[in-house]
Amino acid sequence: MAKAHLGIALALCLGFSVAHAQSTKQNPSWAQLTPEQQKILAPIQGEWSKLDAPRKQKWIGITQRYPKMNAEEQARLQKRMQEWATLTPEQRRAARDKYREFEQLPPAERQAIREKWDQYKQELAQKPPAAPAQEPNQPAESAPAEGTQPADSTQPPAAAPPATSNQPAAGTEPVAATPSPPQQ
């Protein structure tokens, strides 16, 4: 009887150990990734612990394809990972939903949208960058007039107008960062 209990206990321990090993293989921590995988996935390191096992496996699959990509594709992937890491969970969910909607369109319609998007990007690239607008009621900076005191050097300088950026404003949807192409 004692041998039977010992056998059952040993089998259970072994079974749990195998199950645990498989679960950590499917859902690895950041430390369990290889140095090469960590280097490739560095832009999403802060998000890694929050990802579920299927998403981690997707990213690990990308690290396996990464060495076969040319330099331009690798740079694009790194940039997109950095952009993805800055999105809020709501923005990510919206992006996934849009992608799912796009994937369910008929192939001809998807191709038409891709062509319009490529045309839009070409038009955007051909336009010269817009000069930042100066606020209308801002006086031009000049030297102090004769007989006047210079500005108090203990005061911090006036805040400069915000620089224009390609980054979306906080709380905006990612599609707002890049204007959408015209609808069909």
N, C-alpha and C. Protein backbone atom coordinates (compact mmCIF):
# COMPACT_ATOMS: atom_id res chain seq x y z
N MET A 1 0.82 -1.19 0.00
CA MET A 1 0.00 0.00 0.00
C MET A 1 0.87 1.26 0.00
N ALA A 2 1.92 1.28 0.82
CA ALA A 2 2.82 2.43 0.90
C ALA A 2 3.52 2.63 -0.43
N LYS A 3 3.87 1.53 -1.10
CA LYS A 3 4.53 1.64 -2.41
C LYS A 3 3.57 2.25 -3.44
N ALA A 4 2.31 1.90 -3.36
CA ALA A 4 1.32 2.45 -4.28
C ALA A 4 1.17 3.95 -4.08
N HIS A 5 1.10 4.38 -2.81
CA HIS A 5 1.00 5.83 -2.52
C HIS A 5 2.24 6.56 -2.98
N LEU A 6 3.39 5.95 -2.76
CA LEU A 6 4.65 6.57 -3.18
C LEU A 6 4.69 6.69 -4.70
N GLY A 7 4.23 5.65 -5.39
CA GLY A 7 4.19 5.66 -6.85
C GLY A 7 3.26 6.74 -7.38
N ILE A 8 2.10 6.87 -6.74
CA ILE A 8 1.14 7.90 -7.14
C ILE A 8 1.71 9.29 -6.89
N ALA A 9 2.31 9.48 -5.74
CA ALA A 9 2.90 10.78 -5.40
C ALA A 9 4.01 11.14 -6.38
N LEU A 10 4.85 10.16 -6.70
CA LEU A 10 5.94 10.40 -7.65
C LEU A 10 5.39 10.75 -9.03
N ALA A 11 4.36 10.04 -9.48
CA ALA A 11 3.75 10.31 -10.78
C ALA A 11 3.14 11.71 -10.81
N LEU A 12 2.48 12.10 -9.74
CA LEU A 12 1.88 13.44 -9.68
C LEU A 12 2.96 14.52 -9.72
N CYS A 13 4.01 14.33 -8.94
CA CYS A 13 5.10 15.32 -8.94
C CYS A 13 5.72 15.44 -10.31
N LEU A 14 5.96 14.28 -10.94
CA LEU A 14 6.55 14.28 -12.27
C LEU A 14 5.62 14.96 -13.26
N GLY A 15 4.34 14.66 -13.17
CA GLY A 15 3.35 15.28 -14.06
C GLY A 15 3.29 16.78 -13.89
N PHE A 16 3.29 17.25 -12.66
CA PHE A 16 3.26 18.69 -12.41
C PHE A 16 4.53 19.35 -12.91
N SER A 17 5.67 18.69 -12.75
CA SER A 17 6.94 19.26 -13.21
C SER A 17 6.94 19.41 -14.72
N VAL A 18 6.46 18.40 -15.43
CA VAL A 18 6.40 18.46 -16.90
C VAL A 18 5.43 19.55 -17.33
N ALA A 19 4.27 19.62 -16.69
CA ALA A 19 3.28 20.65 -17.03
C ALA A 19 3.84 22.04 -16.78
N HIS A 20 4.54 22.21 -15.66
CA HIS A 20 5.14 23.52 -15.35
C HIS A 20 6.21 23.88 -16.37
N ALA A 21 7.04 22.92 -16.74
CA ALA A 21 8.10 23.17 -17.72
C ALA A 21 7.49 23.57 -19.06
N GLN A 22 6.41 22.90 -19.47
CA GLN A 22 5.77 23.25 -20.72
C GLN A 22 5.13 24.62 -20.66
N SER A 23 4.54 24.97 -19.51
CA SER A 23 3.89 26.28 -19.41
C SER A 23 4.92 27.40 -19.43
N THR A 24 6.09 27.21 -18.81
CA THR A 24 7.10 28.26 -18.85
C THR A 24 7.74 28.35 -20.23
N LYS A 25 7.76 27.22 -20.96
CA LYS A 25 8.28 27.26 -22.33
C LYS A 25 7.30 28.03 -23.23
N GLN A 26 6.00 27.86 -23.00
CA GLN A 26 4.99 28.55 -23.79
C GLN A 26 4.80 30.00 -23.35
N ASN A 27 5.12 30.30 -22.11
CA ASN A 27 4.93 31.63 -21.54
C ASN A 27 6.22 32.06 -20.82
N PRO A 28 7.30 32.23 -21.58
CA PRO A 28 8.59 32.51 -20.94
C PRO A 28 8.67 33.92 -20.35
N SER A 29 9.42 34.03 -19.28
CA SER A 29 9.70 35.36 -18.72
C SER A 29 10.77 36.02 -19.59
N TRP A 30 10.99 37.30 -19.40
CA TRP A 30 12.00 38.02 -20.17
C TRP A 30 13.38 37.38 -19.96
N ALA A 31 13.67 36.98 -18.74
CA ALA A 31 14.98 36.39 -18.44
C ALA A 31 15.18 35.05 -19.14
N GLN A 32 14.11 34.37 -19.51
CA GLN A 32 14.22 33.08 -20.18
C GLN A 32 14.45 33.21 -21.68
N LEU A 33 14.35 34.41 -22.22
CA LEU A 33 14.63 34.62 -23.63
C LEU A 33 16.13 34.59 -23.86
N THR A 34 16.53 34.23 -25.06
CA THR A 34 17.96 34.25 -25.39
C THR A 34 18.41 35.71 -25.51
N PRO A 35 19.71 35.97 -25.38
CA PRO A 35 20.19 37.35 -25.55
C PRO A 35 19.80 37.93 -26.92
N GLU A 36 19.82 37.10 -27.97
CA GLU A 36 19.44 37.60 -29.29
C GLU A 36 17.96 37.98 -29.32
N GLN A 37 17.09 37.15 -28.73
CA GLN A 37 15.67 37.47 -28.67
C GLN A 37 15.44 38.75 -27.87
N GLN A 38 16.14 38.89 -26.76
CA GLN A 38 16.00 40.11 -25.95
C GLN A 38 16.42 41.35 -26.73
N LYS A 39 17.48 41.22 -27.52
CA LYS A 39 17.94 42.37 -28.32
C LYS A 39 16.89 42.77 -29.35
N ILE A 40 16.33 41.77 -30.03
CA ILE A 40 15.32 42.04 -31.06
C ILE A 40 14.06 42.62 -30.45
N LEU A 41 13.65 42.08 -29.31
CA LEU A 41 12.39 42.49 -28.67
C LEU A 41 12.56 43.62 -27.66
N ALA A 42 13.73 44.22 -27.60
CA ALA A 42 14.00 45.28 -26.62
C ALA A 42 12.94 46.37 -26.57
N PRO A 43 12.37 46.82 -27.70
CA PRO A 43 11.36 47.88 -27.62
C PRO A 43 10.12 47.50 -26.81
N ILE A 44 9.84 46.20 -26.66
CA ILE A 44 8.64 45.80 -25.92
C ILE A 44 8.99 45.14 -24.59
N GLN A 45 10.21 45.31 -24.13
CA GLN A 45 10.63 44.69 -22.87
C GLN A 45 9.71 45.07 -21.72
N GLY A 46 9.34 46.32 -21.62
CA GLY A 46 8.48 46.77 -20.53
C GLY A 46 7.09 46.16 -20.56
N GLU A 47 6.67 45.71 -21.71
CA GLU A 47 5.34 45.12 -21.87
C GLU A 47 5.36 43.60 -21.75
N TRP A 48 6.53 42.98 -21.81
CA TRP A 48 6.64 41.54 -21.91
C TRP A 48 5.88 40.80 -20.81
N SER A 49 6.03 41.23 -19.59
CA SER A 49 5.39 40.51 -18.48
C SER A 49 3.87 40.61 -18.54
N LYS A 50 3.34 41.59 -19.27
CA LYS A 50 1.89 41.77 -19.36
C LYS A 50 1.27 40.96 -20.50
N LEU A 51 2.13 40.41 -21.38
CA LEU A 51 1.62 39.68 -22.53
C LEU A 51 1.16 38.29 -22.13
N ASP A 52 0.11 37.80 -22.79
CA ASP A 52 -0.32 36.42 -22.54
C ASP A 52 0.55 35.48 -23.39
N ALA A 53 0.45 34.20 -23.10
CA ALA A 53 1.32 33.20 -23.74
C ALA A 53 1.22 33.21 -25.28
N PRO A 54 0.02 33.27 -25.87
CA PRO A 54 -0.04 33.28 -27.35
C PRO A 54 0.66 34.49 -27.96
N ARG A 55 0.55 35.65 -27.33
CA ARG A 55 1.22 36.85 -27.87
C ARG A 55 2.74 36.72 -27.73
N LYS A 56 3.19 36.16 -26.62
CA LYS A 56 4.63 35.94 -26.46
C LYS A 56 5.14 35.00 -27.55
N GLN A 57 4.38 33.96 -27.84
CA GLN A 57 4.79 33.02 -28.87
C GLN A 57 4.84 33.70 -30.25
N LYS A 58 3.91 34.61 -30.49
CA LYS A 58 3.90 35.36 -31.75
C LYS A 58 5.19 36.17 -31.87
N TRP A 59 5.55 36.87 -30.79
CA TRP A 59 6.77 37.69 -30.81
C TRP A 59 8.02 36.82 -30.94
N ILE A 60 8.02 35.66 -30.30
CA ILE A 60 9.17 34.76 -30.41
C ILE A 60 9.29 34.27 -31.85
N GLY A 61 8.16 34.02 -32.50
CA GLY A 61 8.18 33.65 -33.91
C GLY A 61 8.78 34.74 -34.77
N ILE A 62 8.49 35.98 -34.42
CA ILE A 62 9.06 37.11 -35.17
C ILE A 62 10.58 37.14 -34.99
N THR A 63 11.08 36.82 -33.79
CA THR A 63 12.54 36.81 -33.60
C THR A 63 13.20 35.73 -34.44
N GLN A 64 12.47 34.67 -34.74
CA GLN A 64 13.05 33.61 -35.58
C GLN A 64 13.11 34.04 -37.05
N ARG A 65 12.18 34.89 -37.49
CA ARG A 65 12.19 35.39 -38.87
C ARG A 65 13.08 36.62 -39.03
N TYR A 66 13.36 37.31 -37.95
CA TYR A 66 14.10 38.57 -37.99
C TYR A 66 15.45 38.48 -38.71
N PRO A 67 16.28 37.47 -38.43
CA PRO A 67 17.58 37.42 -39.11
C PRO A 67 17.48 37.29 -40.62
N LYS A 68 16.36 36.77 -41.13
CA LYS A 68 16.18 36.61 -42.58
C LYS A 68 15.70 37.89 -43.25
N MET A 69 15.32 38.89 -42.45
CA MET A 69 14.84 40.15 -43.00
C MET A 69 16.03 41.00 -43.45
N ASN A 70 15.79 41.85 -44.47
CA ASN A 70 16.85 42.78 -44.86
C ASN A 70 16.88 43.93 -43.86
N ALA A 71 17.88 44.78 -43.96
CA ALA A 71 18.08 45.85 -42.98
C ALA A 71 16.88 46.80 -42.91
N GLU A 72 16.28 47.09 -44.06
CA GLU A 72 15.12 48.00 -44.08
C GLU A 72 13.94 47.39 -43.34
N GLU A 73 13.69 46.11 -43.57
CA GLU A 73 12.59 45.43 -42.89
C GLU A 73 12.83 45.36 -41.38
N GLN A 74 14.08 45.10 -41.00
CA GLN A 74 14.41 45.05 -39.58
C GLN A 74 14.20 46.41 -38.92
N ALA A 75 14.62 47.47 -39.59
CA ALA A 75 14.44 48.82 -39.05
C ALA A 75 12.96 49.15 -38.92
N ARG A 76 12.17 48.78 -39.93
CA ARG A 76 10.73 49.04 -39.88
C ARG A 76 10.08 48.28 -38.73
N LEU A 77 10.49 47.03 -38.53
CA LEU A 77 9.94 46.24 -37.43
C LEU A 77 10.29 46.87 -36.08
N GLN A 78 11.54 47.30 -35.92
CA GLN A 78 11.95 47.93 -34.67
C GLN A 78 11.15 49.20 -34.40
N LYS A 79 10.96 50.00 -35.45
CA LYS A 79 10.20 51.25 -35.30
C LYS A 79 8.75 50.95 -34.91
N ARG A 80 8.16 49.96 -35.54
CA ARG A 80 6.77 49.62 -35.23
C ARG A 80 6.63 49.05 -33.83
N MET A 81 7.63 48.30 -33.38
CA MET A 81 7.58 47.79 -32.00
C MET A 81 7.64 48.95 -31.02
N GLN A 82 8.49 49.95 -31.31
CA GLN A 82 8.58 51.11 -30.42
C GLN A 82 7.26 51.86 -30.39
N GLU A 83 6.64 52.04 -31.55
CA GLU A 83 5.35 52.72 -31.61
C GLU A 83 4.29 51.93 -30.86
N TRP A 84 4.28 50.61 -31.03
CA TRP A 84 3.31 49.75 -30.37
C TRP A 84 3.45 49.85 -28.86
N ALA A 85 4.68 49.89 -28.38
CA ALA A 85 4.93 49.94 -26.94
C ALA A 85 4.40 51.23 -26.32
N THR A 86 4.27 52.29 -27.12
CA THR A 86 3.78 53.56 -26.58
C THR A 86 2.26 53.67 -26.58
N LEU A 87 1.59 52.74 -27.27
CA LEU A 87 0.13 52.80 -27.33
C LEU A 87 -0.51 52.36 -26.01
N THR A 88 -1.65 52.93 -25.71
CA THR A 88 -2.42 52.50 -24.54
C THR A 88 -3.13 51.19 -24.88
N PRO A 89 -3.57 50.45 -23.90
CA PRO A 89 -4.32 49.22 -24.19
C PRO A 89 -5.54 49.47 -25.08
N GLU A 90 -6.22 50.59 -24.88
CA GLU A 90 -7.39 50.90 -25.70
C GLU A 90 -6.98 51.13 -27.16
N GLN A 91 -5.86 51.84 -27.36
CA GLN A 91 -5.39 52.09 -28.72
C GLN A 91 -4.97 50.79 -29.40
N ARG A 92 -4.36 49.89 -28.63
CA ARG A 92 -3.95 48.60 -29.19
C ARG A 92 -5.18 47.78 -29.59
N ARG A 93 -6.18 47.79 -28.73
CA ARG A 93 -7.41 47.04 -29.02
C ARG A 93 -8.06 47.61 -30.29
N ALA A 94 -8.10 48.93 -30.41
CA ALA A 94 -8.69 49.55 -31.59
C ALA A 94 -7.90 49.18 -32.85
N ALA A 95 -6.58 49.17 -32.75
CA ALA A 95 -5.75 48.80 -33.90
C ALA A 95 -6.00 47.34 -34.29
N ARG A 96 -6.09 46.46 -33.31
CA ARG A 96 -6.38 45.05 -33.61
C ARG A 96 -7.75 44.90 -34.27
N ASP A 97 -8.74 45.64 -33.76
CA ASP A 97 -10.08 45.57 -34.33
C ASP A 97 -10.08 46.04 -35.78
N LYS A 98 -9.38 47.14 -36.05
CA LYS A 98 -9.30 47.66 -37.42
C LYS A 98 -8.62 46.64 -38.33
N TYR A 99 -7.58 46.00 -37.83
CA TYR A 99 -6.88 45.01 -38.62
C TYR A 99 -7.80 43.82 -38.93
N ARG A 100 -8.53 43.36 -37.92
CA ARG A 100 -9.47 42.25 -38.15
C ARG A 100 -10.52 42.63 -39.19
N GLU A 101 -11.04 43.85 -39.10
CA GLU A 101 -12.03 44.32 -40.08
C GLU A 101 -11.42 44.31 -41.49
N PHE A 102 -10.19 44.82 -41.59
CA PHE A 102 -9.51 44.88 -42.88
C PHE A 102 -9.31 43.48 -43.45
N GLU A 103 -8.90 42.55 -42.62
CA GLU A 103 -8.64 41.18 -43.07
C GLU A 103 -9.91 40.47 -43.53
N GLN A 104 -11.07 40.90 -43.08
CA GLN A 104 -12.32 40.26 -43.47
C GLN A 104 -12.90 40.84 -44.75
N LEU A 105 -12.29 41.89 -45.27
CA LEU A 105 -12.76 42.47 -46.53
C LEU A 105 -12.40 41.53 -47.68
N PRO A 106 -13.14 41.60 -48.77
CA PRO A 106 -12.78 40.80 -49.95
C PRO A 106 -11.38 41.22 -50.46
N PRO A 107 -10.63 40.28 -51.03
CA PRO A 107 -9.26 40.59 -51.48
C PRO A 107 -9.18 41.79 -52.41
N ALA A 108 -10.13 41.94 -53.32
CA ALA A 108 -10.08 43.07 -54.25
C ALA A 108 -10.22 44.40 -53.50
N GLU A 109 -11.09 44.42 -52.50
CA GLU A 109 -11.28 45.64 -51.72
C GLU A 109 -10.04 45.96 -50.89
N ARG A 110 -9.42 44.92 -50.30
CA ARG A 110 -8.18 45.14 -49.54
C ARG A 110 -7.10 45.71 -50.45
N GLN A 111 -6.98 45.16 -51.68
CA GLN A 111 -5.97 45.64 -52.61
C GLN A 111 -6.24 47.09 -52.99
N ALA A 112 -7.50 47.45 -53.19
CA ALA A 112 -7.85 48.83 -53.54
C ALA A 112 -7.46 49.78 -52.41
N ILE A 113 -7.71 49.36 -51.17
CA ILE A 113 -7.35 50.20 -50.02
C ILE A 113 -5.84 50.35 -49.93
N ARG A 114 -5.10 49.25 -50.15
CA ARG A 114 -3.64 49.32 -50.12
C ARG A 114 -3.11 50.29 -51.17
N GLU A 115 -3.69 50.23 -52.37
CA GLU A 115 -3.26 51.12 -53.45
C GLU A 115 -3.54 52.58 -53.11
N LYS A 116 -4.73 52.84 -52.55
CA LYS A 116 -5.05 54.22 -52.14
C LYS A 116 -4.09 54.69 -51.05
N TRP A 117 -3.77 53.80 -50.12
CA TRP A 117 -2.86 54.16 -49.03
C TRP A 117 -1.47 54.46 -49.59
N ASP A 118 -0.98 53.65 -50.53
CA ASP A 118 0.33 53.89 -51.14
C ASP A 118 0.33 55.22 -51.88
N GLN A 119 -0.76 55.50 -52.61
CA GLN A 119 -0.86 56.77 -53.32
C GLN A 119 -0.85 57.94 -52.33
N TYR A 120 -1.58 57.80 -51.25
CA TYR A 120 -1.62 58.85 -50.22
C TYR A 120 -0.24 59.09 -49.64
N LYS A 121 0.49 58.01 -49.33
CA LYS A 121 1.83 58.17 -48.75
C LYS A 121 2.76 58.86 -49.73
N GLN A 122 2.64 58.55 -51.03
CA GLN A 122 3.47 59.21 -52.03
C GLN A 122 3.16 60.70 -52.10
N GLU A 123 1.88 61.04 -52.08
CA GLU A 123 1.49 62.45 -52.11
C GLU A 123 2.00 63.18 -50.87
N LEU A 124 1.91 62.52 -49.74
CA LEU A 124 2.38 63.11 -48.49
C LEU A 124 3.89 63.34 -48.53
N ALA A 125 4.62 62.39 -49.10
CA ALA A 125 6.08 62.50 -49.18
C ALA A 125 6.50 63.62 -50.13
N GLN A 126 5.68 63.92 -51.13
CA GLN A 126 6.01 64.95 -52.10
C GLN A 126 5.75 66.35 -51.59
N LYS A 127 4.89 66.48 -50.58
CA LYS A 127 4.59 67.80 -50.03
C LYS A 127 5.76 68.27 -49.17
N PRO A 128 6.12 69.56 -49.27
CA PRO A 128 7.17 70.05 -48.39
C PRO A 128 6.65 70.11 -46.96
N PRO A 129 7.53 69.91 -45.98
CA PRO A 129 7.07 69.98 -44.59
C PRO A 129 6.53 71.37 -44.27
N ALA A 130 5.47 71.43 -43.53
CA ALA A 130 4.84 72.70 -43.16
C ALA A 130 5.70 73.42 -42.13
N ALA A 131 5.86 74.73 -42.30
CA ALA A 131 6.61 75.53 -41.33
C ALA A 131 5.75 75.70 -40.09
N PRO A 132 6.35 75.64 -38.91
CA PRO A 132 5.55 75.83 -37.70
C PRO A 132 4.96 77.24 -37.66
N ALA A 133 3.72 77.33 -37.29
CA ALA A 133 3.03 78.62 -37.22
C ALA A 133 3.45 79.38 -35.98
N GLN A 134 3.61 80.71 -36.12
CA GLN A 134 3.94 81.54 -34.96
C GLN A 134 2.64 82.08 -34.39
N GLU A 135 2.55 82.10 -33.06
CA GLU A 135 1.34 82.60 -32.43
C GLU A 135 1.19 84.08 -32.73
N PRO A 136 -0.04 84.54 -33.06
CA PRO A 136 -0.24 85.91 -33.52
C PRO A 136 0.10 86.99 -32.50
N ASN A 137 -0.15 86.81 -31.23
CA ASN A 137 0.06 87.87 -30.24
C ASN A 137 1.40 87.78 -29.54
N GLN A 138 2.35 87.09 -30.14
CA GLN A 138 3.66 86.97 -29.53
C GLN A 138 4.55 88.07 -30.08
N PRO A 139 5.12 88.91 -29.21
CA PRO A 139 6.02 89.95 -29.70
C PRO A 139 7.32 89.33 -30.17
N ALA A 140 7.92 89.95 -31.17
CA ALA A 140 9.21 89.48 -31.65
C ALA A 140 10.26 89.75 -30.59
N GLU A 141 11.19 88.83 -30.44
CA GLU A 141 12.23 89.02 -29.45
C GLU A 141 13.26 89.99 -30.00
N SER A 142 13.68 90.93 -29.16
CA SER A 142 14.70 91.90 -29.57
C SER A 142 15.46 92.34 -28.33
N ALA A 143 16.50 93.09 -28.56
CA ALA A 143 17.28 93.61 -27.44
C ALA A 143 16.45 94.64 -26.70
N PRO A 144 16.68 94.80 -25.38
CA PRO A 144 15.90 95.79 -24.64
C PRO A 144 16.16 97.20 -25.18
N ALA A 145 15.14 98.01 -25.16
CA ALA A 145 15.29 99.39 -25.63
C ALA A 145 16.23 100.14 -24.70
N GLU A 146 16.86 101.19 -25.26
CA GLU A 146 17.77 101.98 -24.44
C GLU A 146 17.04 102.59 -23.27
N GLY A 147 17.70 102.59 -22.13
CA GLY A 147 17.12 103.19 -20.94
C GLY A 147 16.20 102.25 -20.18
N THR A 148 16.02 101.04 -20.63
CA THR A 148 15.17 100.10 -19.90
C THR A 148 16.05 99.04 -19.28
N GLN A 149 15.51 98.44 -18.25
CA GLN A 149 16.24 97.39 -17.56
C GLN A 149 16.11 96.09 -18.36
N PRO A 150 17.17 95.28 -18.38
CA PRO A 150 17.04 93.98 -19.03
C PRO A 150 16.07 93.10 -18.23
N ALA A 151 15.56 92.08 -18.86
CA ALA A 151 14.62 91.17 -18.21
C ALA A 151 15.27 90.58 -16.97
N ASP A 152 14.46 90.31 -15.96
CA ASP A 152 14.94 89.74 -14.70
C ASP A 152 15.52 88.35 -15.00
N SER A 153 16.81 88.20 -14.77
CA SER A 153 17.47 86.94 -15.10
C SER A 153 17.12 85.84 -14.10
N THR A 154 16.45 86.17 -12.98
CA THR A 154 16.07 85.13 -12.04
C THR A 154 14.78 84.43 -12.47
N GLN A 155 14.04 85.05 -13.37
CA GLN A 155 12.81 84.45 -13.86
C GLN A 155 13.14 83.44 -14.95
N PRO A 156 12.45 82.32 -14.98
CA PRO A 156 12.69 81.37 -16.07
C PRO A 156 12.22 81.96 -17.38
N PRO A 157 12.83 81.58 -18.47
CA PRO A 157 12.40 82.11 -19.76
C PRO A 157 10.98 81.66 -20.07
N ALA A 158 10.31 82.45 -20.89
CA ALA A 158 8.95 82.10 -21.27
C ALA A 158 8.98 80.79 -22.02
N ALA A 159 7.95 80.00 -21.84
CA ALA A 159 7.88 78.70 -22.49
C ALA A 159 7.75 78.88 -23.99
N ALA A 160 8.51 78.12 -24.72
CA ALA A 160 8.44 78.16 -26.18
C ALA A 160 7.18 77.42 -26.61
N PRO A 161 6.66 77.79 -27.77
CA PRO A 161 5.49 77.05 -28.25
C PRO A 161 5.88 75.59 -28.46
N PRO A 162 4.92 74.68 -28.30
CA PRO A 162 5.26 73.27 -28.45
C PRO A 162 5.78 72.98 -29.85
N ALA A 163 6.81 72.16 -29.92
CA ALA A 163 7.37 71.78 -31.20
C ALA A 163 6.41 70.82 -31.88
N THR A 164 6.35 70.92 -33.20
CA THR A 164 5.51 69.97 -33.90
C THR A 164 6.22 68.64 -33.94
N SER A 165 5.45 67.60 -33.91
CA SER A 165 6.02 66.26 -33.84
C SER A 165 5.15 65.29 -34.60
N ASN A 166 5.74 64.19 -34.99
CA ASN A 166 4.97 63.13 -35.64
C ASN A 166 4.31 62.23 -34.62
N GLN A 167 4.57 62.46 -33.33
CA GLN A 167 3.99 61.62 -32.29
C GLN A 167 2.57 62.08 -32.01
N PRO A 168 1.65 61.13 -31.78
CA PRO A 168 0.28 61.53 -31.47
C PRO A 168 0.22 62.17 -30.08
N ALA A 169 -0.72 63.07 -29.94
CA ALA A 169 -0.92 63.69 -28.63
C ALA A 169 -1.43 62.64 -27.66
N ALA A 170 -1.17 62.85 -26.39
CA ALA A 170 -1.60 61.89 -25.38
C ALA A 170 -3.11 61.71 -25.45
N GLY A 171 -3.54 60.46 -25.41
CA GLY A 171 -4.96 60.17 -25.40
C GLY A 171 -5.61 60.12 -26.78
N THR A 172 -4.79 60.27 -27.86
CA THR A 172 -5.39 60.21 -29.18
C THR A 172 -5.23 58.82 -29.75
N GLU A 173 -6.05 58.50 -30.70
CA GLU A 173 -5.97 57.21 -31.37
C GLU A 173 -4.77 57.22 -32.29
N PRO A 174 -4.14 56.07 -32.53
CA PRO A 174 -2.96 56.04 -33.38
C PRO A 174 -3.25 56.46 -34.81
N VAL A 175 -4.45 56.24 -35.29
CA VAL A 175 -4.78 56.66 -36.63
C VAL A 175 -4.79 58.17 -36.76
N ALA A 176 -4.91 58.89 -35.63
CA ALA A 176 -4.91 60.35 -35.68
C ALA A 176 -3.51 60.88 -35.95
N ALA A 177 -2.47 60.08 -35.68
CA ALA A 177 -1.10 60.52 -35.88
C ALA A 177 -0.80 60.67 -37.37
N THR A 178 -1.39 59.82 -38.21
CA THR A 178 -1.20 59.89 -39.63
C THR A 178 -2.57 60.05 -40.24
N PRO A 179 -2.77 61.11 -41.03
CA PRO A 179 -4.10 61.33 -41.61
C PRO A 179 -4.52 60.12 -42.43
N SER A 180 -5.80 59.83 -42.41
CA SER A 180 -6.33 58.69 -43.15
C SER A 180 -6.48 59.05 -44.62
N PRO A 181 -6.29 58.06 -45.50
CA PRO A 181 -6.52 58.33 -46.91
C PRO A 181 -8.00 58.51 -47.17
N PRO A 182 -8.34 59.11 -48.29
CA PRO A 182 -9.76 59.34 -48.58
C PRO A 182 -10.51 58.02 -48.67
N GLN A 183 -11.77 58.04 -48.25
CA GLN A 183 -12.62 56.86 -48.29
C GLN A 183 -13.11 56.65 -49.71
N GLN A 184 -13.48 55.41 -50.00
CA GLN A 184 -13.94 55.07 -51.36
C GLN A 184 -15.27 55.69 -51.65
